[in-house]
Protein backbone atom coordinates (compact mmCIF):
# COMPACT_ATOMS: atom_id res chain seq x y z
CA UNK A 1 0.00 0.00 0.02
CA UNK A 2 1.31 3.42 -0.84
CA UNK A 3 1.65 6.48 1.39
CA UNK A 4 -1.84 7.64 0.53
CA UNK A 5 -3.19 4.42 1.97
CA UNK A 6 -1.55 5.25 5.32
CA UNK A 7 -3.54 8.44 5.77
CA UNK A 8 -5.84 7.03 8.41
CA UNK A 9 -3.17 5.12 10.28
CA UNK A 10 -2.02 8.08 12.45
CA UNK A 11 -5.44 8.31 14.03
CA UNK A 12 -5.40 4.67 15.03
CA UNK A 13 -1.87 5.00 16.40
CA UNK A 14 -3.08 8.06 18.43
CA UNK A 15 -5.98 6.03 19.75
CA UNK A 16 -3.56 3.36 20.92
CA UNK A 17 -1.34 5.88 22.60
CA UNK A 18 -4.24 7.62 24.33
CA UNK A 19 -5.48 4.29 25.52
CA UNK A 20 -2.04 3.60 27.02
CA UNK A 21 -1.90 6.99 28.61
CA UNK A 22 -5.28 6.66 30.18
CA UNK A 23 -4.41 3.32 31.63
CA UNK A 24 -1.40 4.83 33.39
CA UNK A 25 -3.10 7.78 35.06
CA UNK A 26 -6.40 8.39 36.74
CA UNK A 27 -6.95 11.80 35.38
CA UNK A 28 -5.28 12.30 31.94
CA UNK A 29 -4.96 15.83 30.72
CA UNK A 30 -6.50 16.83 27.47
CA UNK A 31 -4.73 19.03 25.01
CA UNK A 32 -7.08 21.89 25.97
CA UNK A 33 -5.97 21.55 29.60
CA UNK A 34 -2.49 22.90 28.71
CA UNK A 35 -2.03 26.58 28.46
CA UNK A 36 -0.55 28.24 25.36
CA UNK A 37 2.58 28.96 27.34
CA UNK A 38 2.93 25.29 28.41
CA UNK A 39 2.49 24.13 24.80
CA UNK A 40 4.98 26.72 23.55
CA UNK A 41 7.51 25.70 26.17
CA UNK A 42 7.07 21.98 25.28
CA UNK A 43 7.51 22.62 21.52
CA UNK A 44 10.54 24.85 22.01
CA UNK A 45 12.08 22.26 24.43
CA UNK A 46 11.52 19.52 21.95
CA UNK A 47 13.01 21.44 19.06
CA UNK A 48 16.07 22.26 21.24
CA UNK A 49 16.53 18.58 22.11
CA UNK A 50 16.17 17.58 18.48
CA UNK A 51 18.76 20.22 17.53
CA UNK A 52 21.16 18.99 20.22
CA UNK A 53 20.77 15.43 18.96
CA UNK A 54 21.46 16.37 15.35
CA UNK A 55 24.52 18.37 16.27
CA UNK A 56 25.82 15.50 18.42
CA UNK A 57 25.12 13.00 15.65
CA UNK A 58 26.52 14.93 12.72
CA UNK A 59 29.11 17.33 14.10
CA UNK A 60 30.44 16.59 17.62
CA UNK A 61 30.10 13.23 19.38
CA UNK A 62 29.42 10.53 16.78
CA UNK A 63 32.14 11.67 14.31
CA UNK A 64 34.66 11.58 17.19
CA UNK A 65 33.47 8.09 18.16
CA UNK A 66 33.82 6.92 14.53
CA UNK A 67 37.40 8.26 14.48
CA UNK A 68 38.24 6.33 17.62
CA UNK A 69 36.87 3.14 16.07
CA UNK A 70 39.02 3.64 12.94
CA UNK A 71 42.12 4.47 15.01
CA UNK A 72 41.83 1.39 17.24
CA UNK A 73 40.94 -1.47 14.86
CA UNK A 74 40.11 -4.90 16.38
CA UNK A 75 40.07 -8.22 14.70
CA UNK A 76 36.74 -9.95 14.87
CA UNK A 77 36.32 -13.72 15.24
CA UNK A 78 34.34 -15.58 12.56
CA UNK A 79 31.36 -15.66 14.90
CA UNK A 80 31.57 -11.95 15.59
CA UNK A 81 31.83 -11.16 11.91
CA UNK A 82 28.76 -13.27 11.15
CA UNK A 83 26.77 -11.46 13.78
CA UNK A 84 27.79 -8.07 12.35
CA UNK A 85 26.90 -9.20 8.84
CA UNK A 86 23.43 -10.34 9.96
CA UNK A 87 22.91 -7.18 11.94
CA UNK A 88 23.88 -5.09 8.93
CA UNK A 89 21.60 -6.97 6.51
CA UNK A 90 18.59 -7.75 8.76
CA UNK A 91 18.93 -5.74 11.98
CA UNK A 92 18.86 -8.96 14.02
CA UNK A 93 21.23 -11.79 14.71
CA UNK A 94 20.97 -14.88 16.88
CA UNK A 95 23.89 -16.97 18.15
CA UNK A 96 24.62 -19.27 21.06
CA UNK A 97 26.74 -17.93 23.79
CA UNK A 98 29.23 -20.90 23.55
CA UNK A 99 29.92 -20.00 19.90
CA UNK A 100 30.55 -16.32 20.56
CA UNK A 101 32.30 -16.46 24.00
CA UNK A 102 33.69 -20.00 24.12
CA UNK A 103 34.56 -20.99 27.71
CA UNK A 104 35.67 -17.67 29.21
CA UNK A 105 33.78 -18.07 32.43
CA UNK A 106 31.80 -14.89 31.92
CA UNK A 107 28.59 -16.67 30.95
CA UNK A 108 28.80 -19.00 33.92
CA UNK A 109 29.09 -15.97 36.28
CA UNK A 110 26.08 -14.24 34.70
CA UNK A 111 24.05 -17.49 34.68
CA UNK A 112 24.75 -17.97 38.40
CA UNK A 113 23.53 -14.40 39.11
CA UNK A 114 20.47 -14.99 37.01
CA UNK A 115 19.65 -18.22 38.87
CA UNK A 116 19.93 -16.51 42.20
CA UNK A 117 17.68 -13.71 41.00
CA UNK A 118 15.04 -16.09 39.62
CA UNK A 119 14.77 -17.85 42.92
CA UNK A 120 15.02 -14.81 45.15
CA UNK A 121 12.37 -12.91 47.01
CA UNK A 122 11.95 -10.13 44.49
CA UNK A 123 10.67 -12.50 41.80
CA UNK A 124 8.48 -14.48 44.28
CA UNK A 125 6.85 -11.17 45.42
CA UNK A 126 6.51 -9.84 41.81
CA UNK A 127 4.71 -12.99 40.74
CA UNK A 128 2.31 -12.82 43.70
CA UNK A 129 1.55 -9.18 43.15
CA UNK A 130 1.01 -9.49 39.44
CA UNK A 131 -1.19 -12.57 39.64
CA UNK A 132 -3.42 -10.80 42.20
CA UNK A 133 -3.55 -7.39 40.48
CA UNK A 134 -2.89 -7.98 36.75
CA UNK A 135 -6.27 -6.56 35.94
CA UNK A 136 -5.10 -3.15 37.25
CA UNK A 137 -1.79 -3.24 35.37
CA UNK A 138 -0.97 -0.24 33.19
CA UNK A 139 2.70 -0.60 32.33
CA UNK A 140 5.28 -3.39 32.74
CA UNK A 141 4.17 -5.05 35.92
CA UNK A 142 4.61 -8.35 34.12
CA UNK A 143 8.42 -7.96 34.32
CA UNK A 144 10.42 -8.22 37.55
CA UNK A 145 13.83 -6.48 37.21
CA UNK A 146 17.00 -7.03 39.16
CA UNK A 147 17.99 -3.39 39.07
CA UNK A 148 15.84 -0.25 39.31
CA UNK A 149 16.56 2.88 37.33
CA UNK A 150 19.40 4.90 38.85
CA UNK A 151 20.51 2.06 41.07
CA UNK A 152 24.25 1.93 41.83
CA UNK A 153 25.96 -1.17 40.36
CA UNK A 154 29.53 -2.21 40.96
CA UNK A 155 31.92 -2.31 38.05
CA UNK A 156 32.71 -5.91 38.93
CA UNK A 157 29.11 -7.04 38.63
CA UNK A 158 28.89 -10.05 36.30
CA UNK A 159 26.32 -8.28 34.09
CA UNK A 160 28.59 -5.26 33.66
CA UNK A 161 31.64 -7.42 32.91
CA UNK A 162 29.60 -9.41 30.41
CA UNK A 163 28.36 -6.24 28.67
CA UNK A 164 31.87 -4.83 28.36
CA UNK A 165 33.64 -7.95 27.25
CA UNK A 166 35.27 -7.68 23.80
CA UNK A 167 33.02 -10.43 22.37
CA UNK A 168 29.96 -8.30 22.86
CA UNK A 169 31.26 -4.74 22.85
CA UNK A 170 33.56 -5.10 19.80
CA UNK A 171 30.70 -6.75 17.85
CA UNK A 172 28.32 -3.94 18.70
CA UNK A 173 30.92 -1.23 17.90
CA UNK A 174 31.69 -2.96 14.52
CA UNK A 175 27.98 -2.84 13.55
CA UNK A 176 27.56 0.75 14.67
CA UNK A 177 30.89 1.79 13.07
CA UNK A 178 31.87 3.70 16.22
CA UNK A 179 32.62 3.29 19.89
CA UNK A 180 29.35 3.12 21.73
CA UNK A 181 28.09 4.00 25.23
CA UNK A 182 26.50 1.46 27.60
CA UNK A 183 22.88 2.39 28.15
CA UNK A 184 22.29 -0.16 30.83
CA UNK A 185 22.23 -3.86 31.93
CA UNK A 186 19.59 -5.85 33.77
CA UNK A 187 18.00 -9.18 34.45
CA UNK A 188 14.30 -9.58 33.51
CA UNK A 189 11.97 -12.23 34.76
CA UNK A 190 8.79 -12.22 32.62
CA UNK A 191 5.78 -13.59 34.45
CA UNK A 192 3.48 -15.94 32.50
CA UNK A 193 -0.26 -15.61 32.89
CA UNK A 194 -2.85 -17.63 30.96
CA UNK A 195 -5.68 -15.22 31.85
CA UNK A 196 -7.32 -13.26 29.01
CA UNK A 197 -5.73 -9.82 28.93
CA UNK A 198 -4.68 -7.09 26.51
CA UNK A 199 -1.06 -6.48 25.56
CA UNK A 200 0.60 -3.66 27.51
CA UNK A 201 3.51 -1.33 26.88
CA UNK A 202 6.40 -3.05 24.98
CA UNK A 203 4.26 -6.11 24.43
CA UNK A 204 2.98 -4.01 21.55
CA UNK A 205 4.86 -3.11 18.36
CA UNK A 206 7.12 -0.10 18.76
CA UNK A 207 10.45 1.46 18.01
CA UNK A 208 12.87 2.27 20.91
CA UNK A 209 13.13 6.01 21.54
CA UNK A 210 16.67 6.29 22.90
CA UNK A 211 18.47 6.72 19.58
CA UNK A 212 18.09 6.53 15.82
CA UNK A 213 20.18 3.40 15.83
CA UNK A 214 20.91 1.35 18.95
CA UNK A 215 21.67 -2.24 19.86
CA UNK A 216 20.03 -4.38 22.54
CA UNK A 217 21.41 -7.82 23.30
CA UNK A 218 19.08 -10.29 24.90
CA UNK A 219 20.61 -13.36 26.61
CA UNK A 220 18.01 -16.10 27.12
CA UNK A 221 18.91 -18.33 30.14
CA UNK A 222 16.02 -20.69 29.46
CA UNK A 223 14.47 -22.13 26.36
CA UNK A 224 12.01 -19.68 24.86
CA UNK A 225 8.97 -21.18 23.12
CA UNK A 226 5.85 -19.43 21.84
CA UNK A 227 4.24 -19.73 25.30
CA UNK A 228 7.09 -17.72 26.90
CA UNK A 229 6.31 -14.45 24.90
CA UNK A 230 9.27 -14.55 22.48
CA UNK A 231 10.91 -11.43 21.06
CA UNK A 232 9.54 -10.48 17.68
CA UNK A 233 11.13 -8.19 15.12
CA UNK A 234 10.43 -6.70 11.62
CA UNK A 235 13.90 -6.70 9.88
CA UNK A 236 12.96 -4.30 7.11
CA UNK A 237 11.81 -1.58 9.51
CA UNK A 238 15.13 0.09 10.26
CA UNK A 239 16.28 3.20 8.34
CA UNK A 240 16.72 2.21 4.73
CA UNK A 241 14.49 -0.87 4.88
CA UNK A 242 11.30 -1.37 2.89
CA UNK A 243 9.18 -0.73 6.01
CA UNK A 244 11.22 2.28 7.31
CA UNK A 245 8.66 4.74 6.04
CA UNK A 246 6.00 3.33 8.31
CA UNK A 247 5.72 5.54 11.43
CA UNK A 248 9.36 6.46 11.51
CA UNK A 249 11.18 8.06 14.46
CA UNK A 250 11.56 11.81 14.22
CA UNK A 251 14.83 11.90 16.08
CA UNK A 252 16.59 9.99 18.81
CA UNK A 253 14.66 11.94 21.40
CA UNK A 254 11.21 10.50 20.82
CA UNK A 255 8.91 8.07 19.06
CA UNK A 256 5.28 8.08 17.85
CA UNK A 257 3.64 5.65 20.15
CA UNK A 258 2.73 1.92 19.95
CA UNK A 259 1.52 0.43 16.73
CA UNK A 260 -1.76 -1.60 16.84
CA UNK A 261 -1.46 -5.20 15.66
CA UNK A 262 -3.96 -4.65 12.80
CA UNK A 263 -1.73 -1.97 11.25
CA UNK A 264 1.33 -4.28 11.29
CA UNK A 265 -0.81 -7.11 9.86
CA UNK A 266 -2.09 -4.77 7.16
CA UNK A 267 1.24 -3.36 6.04
CA UNK A 268 3.88 -6.00 6.92
CA UNK A 269 4.12 -9.30 5.14
CA UNK A 270 3.87 -12.27 7.53
CA UNK A 271 7.07 -13.74 6.31
CA UNK A 272 8.94 -10.56 7.18
CA UNK A 273 8.49 -11.00 10.97
CA UNK A 274 11.21 -12.84 12.90
CA UNK A 275 10.16 -14.72 16.03
CA UNK A 276 12.91 -15.33 18.55
CA UNK A 277 12.06 -18.80 19.81
CA UNK A 278 15.39 -20.37 20.84
CA UNK A 279 17.30 -22.77 23.10
CA UNK A 280 18.78 -21.76 26.45
CA UNK A 281 22.04 -19.78 26.10
CA UNK A 282 21.01 -17.92 22.95
CA UNK A 283 22.07 -14.29 22.41
CA UNK A 284 19.81 -12.06 20.33
CA UNK A 285 21.51 -8.98 18.92
CA UNK A 286 18.99 -6.44 17.62
CA UNK A 287 18.87 -2.89 16.31
CA UNK A 288 15.67 -1.84 18.20
CA UNK A 289 15.12 1.32 16.12
CA UNK A 290 13.12 -1.20 14.06
CA UNK A 291 9.71 -2.50 15.00
CA UNK A 292 9.75 -5.12 17.79
CA UNK A 293 7.71 -6.42 20.72
CA UNK A 294 7.93 -9.24 23.24
CA UNK A 295 7.05 -10.42 26.78
CA UNK A 296 3.47 -11.61 26.19
CA UNK A 297 4.09 -14.80 28.15
CA UNK A 298 1.04 -17.07 28.68
CA UNK A 299 2.51 -20.45 29.61
CA UNK A 300 6.17 -20.28 30.55
CA UNK A 301 8.39 -17.63 32.25
CA UNK A 302 11.23 -15.97 30.46
CA UNK A 303 14.56 -15.21 32.22
CA UNK A 304 16.55 -12.69 30.18
CA UNK A 305 19.78 -10.79 30.48
CA UNK A 306 19.56 -7.35 28.89
CA UNK A 307 22.57 -5.39 27.59
CA UNK A 308 21.87 -2.05 25.86
CA UNK A 309 24.19 0.19 23.74
CA UNK A 310 23.64 3.65 22.17
CA UNK A 311 25.60 6.12 20.19
CA UNK A 312 27.28 9.05 22.03
CA UNK A 313 24.76 11.37 20.35
CA UNK A 314 21.84 9.95 22.28
CA UNK A 315 20.29 12.32 24.81
CA UNK A 316 19.49 9.40 27.13
CA UNK A 317 21.76 8.75 30.12
CA UNK A 318 22.75 5.29 31.33
CA UNK A 319 19.83 3.97 33.32
CA UNK A 320 22.19 2.76 36.08
CA UNK A 321 24.89 4.34 38.18
CA UNK A 322 27.77 2.03 37.26
CA UNK A 323 31.14 2.24 39.06
CA UNK A 324 34.22 2.50 36.86
CA UNK A 325 35.49 -0.99 35.95
CA UNK A 326 38.72 -2.12 37.60
CA UNK A 327 38.71 -5.70 36.30
CA UNK A 328 41.76 -6.34 33.97
CA UNK A 329 39.51 -8.43 31.63
CA UNK A 330 37.36 -5.47 30.79
CA UNK A 331 39.91 -2.65 31.22
CA UNK A 332 40.06 -1.61 27.60
CA UNK A 333 39.81 1.86 26.04
CA UNK A 334 36.52 0.75 24.46
CA UNK A 335 35.08 -0.33 27.84
CA UNK A 336 36.18 2.90 29.44
CA UNK A 337 34.55 4.88 26.72
CA UNK A 338 31.38 2.85 27.03
CA UNK A 339 30.99 3.93 30.73
CA UNK A 340 31.69 7.65 30.22
């Protein structure tokens, strides 16, 4: 369908966004509730942020990061090169951790932390609370996280060490063509629930807002089948792809809401959607500026390690307060840059 056929899609996206907004607050404000001054300030603030992002992307930060990448070349393994090639051509790549990392011991340390988290009190309480109150959910109550936003994390934490190891960081940097910053790490426990319910938040199709191009790496500690709410992705939806014109990001400082299923079904061919069912120990590298969703688990839980990377131009700060790394295994110029 051509662009004229998309004329009514914006209204339906707006309806979806309004529905999400209303679910998250008891008294949503209408456009008429904002004064002219408030609207003027918002528009000016957004334009200023957009200008900052463009200058960082095209003039200041990203060009410097590209220069560092050229001046400090690294030799990729065959497995890393294959991941970069698949990311470049499709925006998504899946590989088993043994093939990418070998037997470095990093995975074992992360898996041990994940197992302790899964059987800890936070997950037990999160499951109880969600099962009792899922009908009142408005955001991501179906996910239990190891770290909260802004939490202080030691540089020797297994998740941080894993995120900064050369096998991951060099792969991400090679795809992005520059040295990248670490946006955050976490462990996610996705709670399954067979009850009839609507998709919430990132269970719906969306583009991530943090940057115009960014990489998230998902490490699945358990087998993920269709009942565990697998990650789904539309490869052709990144910049330059055949679906990139559908509801594109304006800049790295914002998106245009969640996309209703019927619009994706209408405009994206079924064979162009990748479903990330996989065995335990699988790494999923993905440029999440493209359409994706996940976490709608109905039968089985999903235990996931999350490692997020952005360009230096992004206006988003790291979601955690990570101490500087002192471990010799991750004390590289690239790792130091990633934490700045």
